[in-house]
Amino acid sequence: MRYGIIRDASFLPPPAEQRELLESRGCDVIIQERGSTPDAAHRIDRLLFSVKNGDEVVVQSLVVFLKSTGDLVQTLRNLLELGARITIASSRTDSVTLSPSEELIGALNLLADHESRRPAPPATRARGRIGGGSRNPLSPYQIDYARKLHGEGASLRSIGLLFQLSPEDVWQLIGR
């Protein structure tokens, strides 16, 4: 069975052009997904789950899968391990067919293993003055205003909330 997948998205050729290309490649079943919602990705994953040994999946571009590189590598590896072929037909004359082979599956296994073990990027710190990040010092006008507020009885905490500073930072600025 030869499956064709069309994705209707602004960053891909028009669906009619994709359909014409897949029909010229003799696809038995052509699935067209509109948009890039999680539901559409789930429907394509269900289609790929039904692929069997000897089947072929034809797409105009790997972008049709709308997956990160790591997820795409895992999907391609799974299809090849099943014995399916994947054809990326960028035009009527240009195409690349990935056929199951020990070398290719081994390379995809290495990439998939790397992706699963890759450390997550460090968590970003909260932006703003309280809790991290650098801040620009207060202007002389703001410092004078903070001193005036403190002189009128405002707490260091309330002044700090106004300028997004810790009470200790406020004290350092108005104590000079």
Protein backbone atom coordinates (compact mmCIF):
# COMPACT_ATOMS: atom_id res chain seq x y z
CA MET A 1 0.00 0.00 0.00
CA ARG A 2 1.32 3.45 -0.87
CA TYR A 3 0.19 6.25 1.46
CA GLY A 4 0.46 9.93 0.57
CA ILE A 5 0.27 12.71 3.14
CA ILE A 6 -0.68 16.28 2.29
CA ARG A 7 -0.50 19.13 4.79
CA ASP A 8 -2.37 22.36 4.12
CA ALA A 9 -0.03 24.97 5.61
CA SER A 10 1.28 28.34 4.50
CA PHE A 11 4.90 27.13 4.52
CA LEU A 12 4.24 24.24 2.10
CA PRO A 13 3.17 24.18 -1.57
CA PRO A 14 -0.58 24.44 -2.14
CA PRO A 15 -2.51 21.23 -1.37
CA ALA A 16 -3.58 20.87 -5.03
CA GLU A 17 0.07 20.85 -6.08
CA GLN A 18 0.94 18.30 -3.39
CA ARG A 19 -2.02 16.11 -4.41
CA GLU A 20 -1.03 16.19 -8.08
CA LEU A 21 2.52 15.15 -7.15
CA LEU A 22 1.33 12.30 -4.91
CA GLU A 23 -1.18 11.06 -7.50
CA SER A 24 1.60 11.02 -10.11
CA ARG A 25 3.54 8.77 -7.69
CA GLY A 26 0.67 6.26 -7.64
CA CYS A 27 -0.49 6.68 -4.03
CA ASP A 28 -3.34 4.33 -3.11
CA VAL A 29 -4.49 6.43 -0.14
CA ILE A 30 -3.95 10.18 0.17
CA ILE A 31 -4.58 11.85 3.49
CA GLN A 32 -4.92 15.63 3.61
CA GLU A 33 -4.68 17.49 6.89
CA ARG A 34 -5.73 21.09 7.14
CA GLY A 35 -3.72 23.23 9.49
CA SER A 36 -1.17 22.33 12.10
CA THR A 37 -3.26 21.52 15.15
CA PRO A 38 -2.40 18.76 17.63
CA ASP A 39 -5.49 16.86 16.43
CA ALA A 40 -4.20 16.89 12.85
CA ALA A 41 -0.79 15.63 14.01
CA HIS A 42 -2.57 12.89 15.99
CA ARG A 43 -4.52 11.79 12.89
CA ILE A 44 -1.29 11.53 10.88
CA ASP A 45 0.31 9.52 13.71
CA ARG A 46 -2.69 7.13 13.61
CA LEU A 47 -2.22 6.72 9.86
CA LEU A 48 1.47 5.97 10.37
CA PHE A 49 0.54 3.43 13.04
CA SER A 50 -1.36 1.44 10.38
CA VAL A 51 1.67 1.24 8.05
CA LYS A 52 2.94 -2.32 7.60
CA ASN A 53 5.94 -4.14 6.16
CA GLY A 54 6.27 -3.38 2.45
CA ASP A 55 4.15 -0.20 2.56
CA GLU A 56 5.43 3.16 1.39
CA VAL A 57 4.78 6.65 2.76
CA VAL A 58 5.12 9.45 0.20
CA VAL A 59 5.37 13.12 1.16
CA GLN A 60 6.36 16.27 -0.69
CA SER A 61 8.58 17.36 2.22
CA LEU A 62 9.47 16.08 5.68
CA VAL A 63 7.89 19.29 6.97
CA VAL A 64 4.52 17.59 6.33
CA PHE A 65 5.04 15.63 9.57
CA LEU A 66 5.29 18.89 11.60
CA LYS A 67 7.65 17.33 14.13
CA SER A 68 10.83 18.43 15.78
CA THR A 69 13.98 16.91 14.33
CA GLY A 70 14.24 14.44 17.20
CA ASP A 71 10.62 13.33 16.89
CA LEU A 72 10.96 13.07 13.11
CA VAL A 73 14.05 10.86 13.46
CA GLN A 74 12.13 8.57 15.81
CA THR A 75 9.16 8.41 13.43
CA LEU A 76 11.37 7.60 10.43
CA ARG A 77 13.24 4.96 12.43
CA ASN A 78 9.98 3.32 13.53
CA LEU A 79 8.67 3.19 9.96
CA LEU A 80 11.89 1.71 8.62
CA GLU A 81 12.03 -0.87 11.43
CA LEU A 82 8.54 -1.98 10.34
CA GLY A 83 9.88 -2.55 6.84
CA ALA A 84 8.20 0.46 5.25
CA ARG A 85 9.81 2.87 2.80
CA ILE A 86 9.61 6.65 2.95
CA THR A 87 9.75 8.70 -0.25
CA ILE A 88 10.29 12.44 -0.16
CA ALA A 89 9.19 13.59 -3.60
CA SER A 90 10.07 17.27 -3.90
CA SER A 91 9.04 17.28 -7.58
CA ARG A 92 7.99 14.86 -10.32
CA THR A 93 11.63 14.14 -11.14
CA ASP A 94 13.41 14.67 -7.80
CA SER A 95 12.86 12.29 -4.94
CA VAL A 96 14.70 10.50 -2.17
CA THR A 97 13.55 7.08 -1.00
CA LEU A 98 14.61 5.76 2.38
CA SER A 99 14.52 1.98 2.34
CA PRO A 100 15.01 -0.21 5.40
CA SER A 101 18.66 -1.09 5.86
CA GLU A 102 20.74 -1.95 8.91
CA GLU A 103 23.02 1.04 8.33
CA LEU A 104 20.21 3.58 8.04
CA ILE A 105 18.24 2.18 10.97
CA GLY A 106 21.46 2.10 13.00
CA ALA A 107 22.18 5.75 12.20
CA LEU A 108 18.61 6.74 13.10
CA ASN A 109 18.90 4.73 16.34
CA LEU A 110 22.01 6.72 17.24
CA LEU A 111 20.26 10.01 16.52
CA ALA A 112 17.12 8.97 18.42
CA ASP A 113 19.25 7.84 21.37
CA HIS A 114 21.08 11.16 21.33
CA GLU A 115 17.79 13.05 21.28
CA SER A 116 16.40 11.08 24.22
CA ARG A 117 19.58 11.61 26.29
CA ARG A 118 20.21 15.21 25.34
CA PRO A 119 20.06 17.40 28.42
CA ALA A 120 17.23 19.85 28.54
CA PRO A 121 18.22 23.47 28.10
CA PRO A 122 18.68 25.28 31.40
CA ALA A 123 15.58 26.91 32.78
CA THR A 124 15.49 30.60 32.15
CA ARG A 125 15.46 32.90 35.12
CA ALA A 126 12.58 35.17 35.77
CA ARG A 127 12.98 38.46 34.01
CA GLY A 128 12.53 41.59 35.99
CA ARG A 129 14.27 43.19 38.88
CA ILE A 130 13.09 40.97 41.70
CA GLY A 131 14.33 37.41 41.48
CA GLY A 132 17.02 37.78 38.89
CA GLY A 133 18.28 39.49 35.84
CA SER A 134 20.21 42.68 35.73
CA ARG A 135 18.44 45.95 36.20
CA ASN A 136 19.17 49.50 35.34
CA PRO A 137 19.70 51.68 38.40
CA LEU A 138 16.97 54.10 39.30
CA SER A 139 17.20 57.57 37.87
CA PRO A 140 18.10 60.40 40.26
CA TYR A 141 14.46 61.54 40.10
CA GLN A 142 13.24 58.05 41.14
CA ILE A 143 15.74 57.94 44.02
CA ASP A 144 14.57 61.36 45.25
CA TYR A 145 10.95 60.17 45.00
CA ALA A 146 11.76 56.97 46.93
CA ARG A 147 13.45 59.07 49.66
CA LYS A 148 10.40 61.34 49.81
CA LEU A 149 8.07 58.33 50.15
CA HIS A 150 10.25 56.85 52.90
CA GLY A 151 10.30 60.22 54.67
CA GLU A 152 6.49 60.28 54.56
CA GLY A 153 6.37 56.87 56.26
CA ALA A 154 6.13 54.45 53.35
CA SER A 155 7.68 51.05 54.09
CA LEU A 156 10.74 49.80 52.24
CA ARG A 157 8.59 46.93 50.95
CA SER A 158 5.94 49.21 49.43
CA ILE A 159 8.62 51.36 47.79
CA GLY A 160 10.31 48.20 46.51
CA LEU A 161 7.05 47.00 44.99
CA LEU A 162 6.61 50.34 43.26
CA PHE A 163 10.07 50.20 41.67
CA GLN A 164 10.31 46.39 41.48
CA LEU A 165 13.22 46.24 43.91
CA SER A 166 13.88 44.27 47.05
CA PRO A 167 13.61 46.20 50.34
CA GLU A 168 17.40 45.78 50.76
CA ASP A 169 18.02 47.38 47.36
CA VAL A 170 15.69 50.25 48.25
CA TRP A 171 17.58 50.82 51.51
CA GLN A 172 20.92 50.86 49.68
CA LEU A 173 19.62 53.44 47.21
CA ILE A 174 17.90 55.82 49.62
CA GLY A 175 20.47 55.46 52.41
CA ARG A 176 23.24 57.22 50.42
